[in-house]
Amino acid sequence: QRDLSKLPLHRRNIGYVFQDTRLFPHMSVLKNLRYGGSHGEDAIIAVLGLGDLLGRYPASLSGGEKQRVALGRALMSAPKVLLLDEPLSALDAPRKAEVLPYLEALRDLTPIPILYVSHDMGEVARLASRIVVLNHGQVVLSGTVEDVLADPVAVPFLGVRDAGAVLIGRVVGHANDGLTKIETGAGALWVPGSVGHAGSSVRLRVPAQDVILARATPVNISALNVLPVTITALERGTGPGVAVALNAGNARLLARITKRSCDAMGLIVGDQIFAILKAT
């Protein structure tokens, strides 16, 4: 492997997408795209949905459209690696929702390694295959998205509200009452809305603070998702909470409960209990 820091900038061959796109205002979209090269031009324009924008200028583009052009420009330079530096941080929620499917397609279709820098755990959970958690410049955790986000050690670094597991699932079908059934490694789950299409692959993000634990099989409750789980770790924080790592079938979950609840239930590693997830 080569030490890129010892190479001149123009020879490092890194595609870089900034937070603010930095498109040339006097150039059309097509000229912006071709600024660094035109490698794979037709395929990149198709994947990023840029065909209708080629004759326009940056001033007439939405924030999401600008970011897609910036992605295309970086890709057409034929980079060895793609660095995306919080590319959605300057966008509002609708524009983020517009760009995210294109980033997913980019992840799935290109062989180029993508280093995606973000503080938004929703983006990370949706896009990442592997995660490196940095704290003051030091690596504190690394691994697959499923392993890192379900690790109770990650809670202080990700934040209480952002901590939670990711489940990879397959859409089974849609019910008449507006729910979607998804088969995951943890078992079948019901989620709200018409999600994906039958047979499609999806990711489910399960916030740790939304998981309720029970010693016995719950009865007569409104929650639709009840999973048998085994406690694999208990991580007591400095505050009132405990992060509980759980094995659920072939998947991992994370729950965050109070120390009072943990002590009252007498929870210990190895206990077989139940995790309750509301469909909503």
Protein backbone atom coordinates (compact mmCIF):
# COMPACT_ATOMS: atom_id res chain seq x y z
CA GLN A 1 0.00 0.00 0.00
CA ARG A 2 1.18 3.53 -0.78
CA ASP A 3 1.34 6.40 1.68
CA LEU A 4 -0.87 9.01 -0.01
CA SER A 5 0.50 11.79 2.20
CA LYS A 6 3.83 11.49 0.38
CA LEU A 7 2.25 11.95 -3.04
CA PRO A 8 1.58 15.37 -4.65
CA LEU A 9 -2.07 16.39 -4.34
CA HIS A 10 -2.82 15.97 -8.03
CA ARG A 11 -1.59 12.36 -7.97
CA ARG A 12 -3.55 11.13 -4.96
CA ASN A 13 -6.60 10.39 -7.09
CA ILE A 14 -9.15 10.99 -4.33
CA GLY A 15 -12.64 12.12 -5.28
CA TYR A 16 -13.78 14.72 -2.74
CA VAL A 17 -17.30 16.03 -2.20
CA PHE A 18 -17.56 19.09 0.05
CA GLN A 19 -20.45 20.14 2.27
CA ASP A 20 -21.18 23.16 0.05
CA THR A 21 -20.68 21.47 -3.39
CA ARG A 22 -18.37 24.23 -4.76
CA LEU A 23 -19.69 24.08 -8.31
CA PHE A 24 -18.45 26.61 -10.86
CA PRO A 25 -21.32 29.09 -11.32
CA HIS A 26 -20.31 30.10 -14.87
CA MET A 27 -20.34 26.50 -16.12
CA SER A 28 -23.31 24.36 -17.07
CA VAL A 29 -23.99 21.16 -15.19
CA LEU A 30 -22.38 19.14 -17.99
CA LYS A 31 -19.22 21.25 -17.94
CA ASN A 32 -19.06 21.01 -14.16
CA LEU A 33 -19.35 17.23 -14.43
CA ARG A 34 -16.55 17.06 -16.99
CA TYR A 35 -14.21 19.39 -15.11
CA GLY A 36 -12.18 16.52 -13.60
CA GLY A 37 -12.69 14.06 -16.45
CA SER A 38 -15.45 12.19 -18.22
CA HIS A 39 -14.85 8.60 -17.11
CA GLY A 40 -18.07 6.55 -17.10
CA GLU A 41 -20.04 9.66 -18.01
CA ASP A 42 -23.24 8.03 -19.29
CA ALA A 43 -23.50 5.54 -16.41
CA ILE A 44 -22.85 8.19 -13.75
CA ILE A 45 -25.40 10.58 -15.24
CA ALA A 46 -27.95 7.76 -15.27
CA VAL A 47 -27.27 6.54 -11.70
CA LEU A 48 -27.47 10.07 -10.27
CA GLY A 49 -30.48 11.09 -12.36
CA LEU A 50 -28.72 14.08 -13.94
CA GLY A 51 -29.94 13.73 -17.52
CA ASP A 52 -32.50 16.55 -17.30
CA LEU A 53 -30.06 18.94 -15.61
CA LEU A 54 -27.13 18.95 -18.04
CA GLY A 55 -27.92 22.28 -19.71
CA ARG A 56 -28.74 24.16 -16.53
CA TYR A 57 -26.46 26.28 -14.33
CA PRO A 58 -25.82 25.89 -10.58
CA ALA A 59 -27.86 28.99 -9.66
CA SER A 60 -31.01 27.30 -10.95
CA LEU A 61 -30.48 24.03 -9.04
CA SER A 62 -31.89 22.97 -5.68
CA GLY A 63 -29.50 22.01 -2.90
CA GLY A 64 -30.12 18.32 -3.56
CA GLU A 65 -29.51 18.70 -7.28
CA LYS A 66 -26.25 20.55 -6.63
CA GLN A 67 -25.05 17.78 -4.36
CA ARG A 68 -25.82 15.14 -6.99
CA VAL A 69 -23.81 17.14 -9.55
CA ALA A 70 -20.91 17.39 -7.10
CA LEU A 71 -21.04 13.61 -6.63
CA GLY A 72 -21.04 13.09 -10.37
CA ARG A 73 -18.08 15.41 -10.86
CA ALA A 74 -16.05 13.52 -8.25
CA LEU A 75 -16.92 10.15 -9.80
CA MET A 76 -16.08 11.22 -13.35
CA SER A 77 -12.51 11.93 -12.27
CA ALA A 78 -12.12 8.11 -11.90
CA PRO A 79 -11.00 8.24 -8.25
CA LYS A 80 -9.40 5.35 -6.39
CA VAL A 81 -11.41 6.32 -3.31
CA LEU A 82 -14.32 8.70 -2.72
CA LEU A 83 -14.39 10.98 0.35
CA LEU A 84 -17.76 12.50 1.24
CA ASP A 85 -17.37 15.14 3.96
CA GLU A 86 -20.82 15.51 5.59
CA PRO A 87 -22.35 15.96 2.12
CA LEU A 88 -25.92 16.38 3.40
CA SER A 89 -25.29 18.64 6.40
CA ALA A 90 -26.27 21.81 4.51
CA LEU A 91 -29.56 20.35 3.24
CA ASP A 92 -32.99 20.44 4.84
CA ALA A 93 -34.92 17.23 5.47
CA PRO A 94 -36.75 17.08 2.08
CA ARG A 95 -33.51 17.63 0.15
CA LYS A 96 -31.74 14.97 2.25
CA ALA A 97 -34.55 12.55 1.45
CA GLU A 98 -34.05 13.39 -2.24
CA VAL A 99 -30.29 12.64 -2.22
CA LEU A 100 -30.14 9.57 0.05
CA PRO A 101 -31.52 7.07 -2.50
CA TYR A 102 -28.82 8.16 -4.95
CA LEU A 103 -26.13 7.62 -2.30
CA GLU A 104 -27.56 4.15 -1.66
CA ALA A 105 -27.42 3.37 -5.39
CA LEU A 106 -23.86 4.70 -5.52
CA ARG A 107 -22.86 2.46 -2.61
CA ASP A 108 -24.39 -0.62 -4.22
CA LEU A 109 -23.27 -0.07 -7.82
CA THR A 110 -19.75 1.33 -7.66
CA PRO A 111 -16.66 -0.70 -6.67
CA ILE A 112 -14.97 2.49 -5.44
CA PRO A 113 -14.47 2.55 -1.65
CA ILE A 114 -16.47 5.40 -0.10
CA LEU A 115 -15.39 7.12 3.12
CA TYR A 116 -18.47 8.92 4.42
CA VAL A 117 -17.94 11.41 7.27
CA SER A 118 -21.09 12.22 9.25
CA HIS A 119 -22.50 13.09 12.67
CA ASP A 120 -26.00 12.05 11.57
CA MET A 121 -26.65 8.51 12.80
CA GLY A 122 -29.69 8.20 10.57
CA GLU A 123 -27.48 8.64 7.51
CA VAL A 124 -24.82 6.32 8.91
CA ALA A 125 -27.32 3.58 9.75
CA ARG A 126 -28.84 3.79 6.29
CA LEU A 127 -25.66 3.96 4.21
CA ALA A 128 -22.73 2.39 6.02
CA SER A 129 -21.42 -1.14 5.65
CA ARG A 130 -18.59 -0.57 8.15
CA ILE A 131 -18.27 2.11 10.83
CA VAL A 132 -15.24 3.69 12.49
CA VAL A 133 -16.08 5.72 15.61
CA LEU A 134 -13.54 8.45 16.36
CA ASN A 135 -13.15 10.31 19.65
CA HIS A 136 -10.56 13.10 19.86
CA GLY A 137 -8.81 11.64 16.83
CA GLN A 138 -8.58 8.12 18.25
CA VAL A 139 -10.44 5.04 17.00
CA VAL A 140 -12.65 3.74 19.81
CA LEU A 141 -14.78 1.27 17.84
CA SER A 142 -14.82 -0.22 14.37
CA GLY A 143 -16.67 -3.01 12.62
CA THR A 144 -19.82 -3.76 10.65
CA VAL A 145 -22.75 -1.39 10.98
CA GLU A 146 -24.76 -4.11 12.76
CA ASP A 147 -22.02 -4.84 15.31
CA VAL A 148 -20.97 -1.28 16.13
CA LEU A 149 -24.45 0.20 16.50
CA ALA A 150 -25.56 -2.68 18.75
CA ASP A 151 -22.49 -2.41 20.98
CA PRO A 152 -23.31 -0.91 24.40
CA VAL A 153 -19.78 0.53 24.56
CA ALA A 154 -20.77 2.83 21.67
CA VAL A 155 -23.56 4.61 23.59
CA PRO A 156 -21.39 7.34 25.22
CA PHE A 157 -19.82 8.17 21.85
CA LEU A 158 -22.97 8.08 19.72
CA GLY A 159 -25.21 9.72 22.30
CA VAL A 160 -28.21 8.31 24.14
CA ARG A 161 -30.72 9.44 21.51
CA ASP A 162 -28.71 8.09 18.57
CA ALA A 163 -27.76 4.73 20.09
CA GLY A 164 -29.57 1.73 18.65
CA ALA A 165 -29.21 -1.31 16.46
CA VAL A 166 -29.70 -1.82 12.74
CA LEU A 167 -31.48 -4.91 11.42
CA ILE A 168 -31.18 -6.08 7.81
CA GLY A 169 -34.48 -7.46 6.58
CA ARG A 170 -36.60 -8.56 3.64
CA VAL A 171 -40.08 -7.25 2.93
CA VAL A 172 -42.61 -10.08 3.17
CA GLY A 173 -45.71 -8.11 2.22
CA HIS A 174 -48.16 -5.34 3.05
CA ALA A 175 -51.26 -5.73 5.19
CA ASN A 176 -54.60 -4.06 4.49
CA ASP A 177 -54.36 -2.02 7.71
CA GLY A 178 -51.31 -0.05 6.57
CA LEU A 179 -48.53 -2.15 8.07
CA THR A 180 -45.59 -3.90 6.41
CA LYS A 181 -44.21 -7.25 7.53
CA ILE A 182 -40.43 -7.57 7.40
CA GLU A 183 -38.45 -10.73 8.06
CA THR A 184 -35.18 -10.05 9.89
CA GLY A 185 -32.49 -12.10 11.59
CA ALA A 186 -34.22 -11.24 14.86
CA GLY A 187 -37.61 -12.49 13.64
CA ALA A 188 -40.61 -11.07 11.82
CA LEU A 189 -41.44 -7.43 12.57
CA TRP A 190 -44.37 -5.18 11.72
CA VAL A 191 -43.60 -1.57 10.76
CA PRO A 192 -45.93 1.28 9.77
CA GLY A 193 -46.61 2.28 6.18
CA SER A 194 -46.07 0.58 2.85
CA VAL A 195 -42.33 -0.01 2.96
CA GLY A 196 -40.53 -1.19 -0.17
CA HIS A 197 -41.92 -4.00 -2.28
CA ALA A 198 -42.23 -7.70 -1.55
CA GLY A 199 -38.83 -9.36 -1.65
CA SER A 200 -36.84 -6.13 -1.41
CA SER A 201 -34.05 -5.68 1.14
CA VAL A 202 -34.41 -2.97 3.79
CA ARG A 203 -32.65 -1.74 6.90
CA LEU A 204 -34.53 -1.13 10.14
CA ARG A 205 -33.06 1.20 12.71
CA VAL A 206 -34.19 0.34 16.24
CA PRO A 207 -33.37 3.10 18.78
CA ALA A 208 -32.18 1.67 22.09
CA GLN A 209 -34.51 3.93 24.05
CA ASP A 210 -37.52 2.47 22.20
CA VAL A 211 -36.87 -1.13 23.29
CA ILE A 212 -38.78 -2.34 26.37
CA LEU A 213 -37.62 -5.44 28.24
CA ALA A 214 -39.80 -8.02 30.01
CA ARG A 215 -39.06 -11.10 32.09
CA ALA A 216 -42.21 -12.96 31.01
CA THR A 217 -44.09 -13.21 27.74
CA PRO A 218 -46.19 -10.02 27.54
CA VAL A 219 -49.94 -10.44 27.09
CA ASN A 220 -52.73 -8.00 26.25
CA ILE A 221 -50.39 -5.20 25.18
CA SER A 222 -50.62 -2.85 22.20
CA ALA A 223 -47.07 -3.44 20.95
CA LEU A 224 -47.02 -5.81 17.96
CA ASN A 225 -43.38 -6.90 18.04
CA VAL A 226 -42.23 -9.19 20.85
CA LEU A 227 -38.89 -10.96 20.38
CA PRO A 228 -37.22 -13.58 22.60
CA VAL A 229 -33.70 -12.33 23.36
CA THR A 230 -30.65 -13.21 25.44
CA ILE A 231 -28.63 -10.62 27.38
CA THR A 232 -24.99 -10.62 26.25
CA ALA A 233 -23.68 -7.52 28.06
CA LEU A 234 -24.71 -4.85 30.54
CA GLU A 235 -22.95 -1.48 30.37
CA ARG A 236 -23.67 0.89 33.26
CA GLY A 237 -23.13 4.53 32.43
CA THR A 238 -22.26 7.39 34.77
CA GLY A 239 -25.88 8.56 34.66
CA PRO A 240 -29.10 6.72 35.47
CA GLY A 241 -29.02 4.40 32.46
CA VAL A 242 -27.85 0.91 31.55
CA ALA A 243 -27.15 -0.19 27.97
CA VAL A 244 -28.25 -3.80 27.48
CA ALA A 245 -26.79 -5.80 24.59
CA LEU A 246 -29.12 -8.49 23.28
CA ASN A 247 -28.89 -11.45 20.94
CA ALA A 248 -32.12 -11.87 19.01
CA GLY A 249 -32.01 -14.92 16.75
CA ASN A 250 -29.21 -14.24 14.28
CA ALA A 251 -29.19 -10.50 14.96
CA ARG A 252 -28.24 -8.06 17.70
CA LEU A 253 -30.34 -5.46 19.49
CA LEU A 254 -29.56 -2.77 22.02
CA ALA A 255 -31.84 -1.53 24.80
CA ARG A 256 -31.38 1.37 27.17
CA ILE A 257 -33.18 1.15 30.50
CA THR A 258 -32.74 2.78 33.90
CA LYS A 259 -30.46 1.28 36.53
CA ARG A 260 -33.50 1.09 38.79
CA SER A 261 -35.34 -1.14 36.28
CA CYS A 262 -32.24 -3.26 35.71
CA ASP A 263 -31.81 -3.85 39.45
CA ALA A 264 -35.52 -4.43 40.08
CA MET A 265 -35.60 -7.06 37.32
CA GLY A 266 -32.33 -8.60 38.51
CA LEU A 267 -30.95 -8.69 34.99
CA ILE A 268 -27.64 -10.46 34.42
CA VAL A 269 -25.70 -11.62 31.37
CA GLY A 270 -27.16 -14.85 30.01
CA ASP A 271 -30.77 -14.11 31.00
CA GLN A 272 -33.37 -15.09 28.42
CA ILE A 273 -36.02 -12.38 28.32
CA PHE A 274 -38.27 -10.55 25.84
CA ALA A 275 -37.72 -7.36 23.87
CA ILE A 276 -40.82 -5.32 22.98
CA LEU A 277 -40.86 -2.96 20.00
CA LYS A 278 -43.86 -0.83 19.11
CA ALA A 279 -44.69 -0.96 15.42
CA THR A 280 -44.83 2.85 15.32
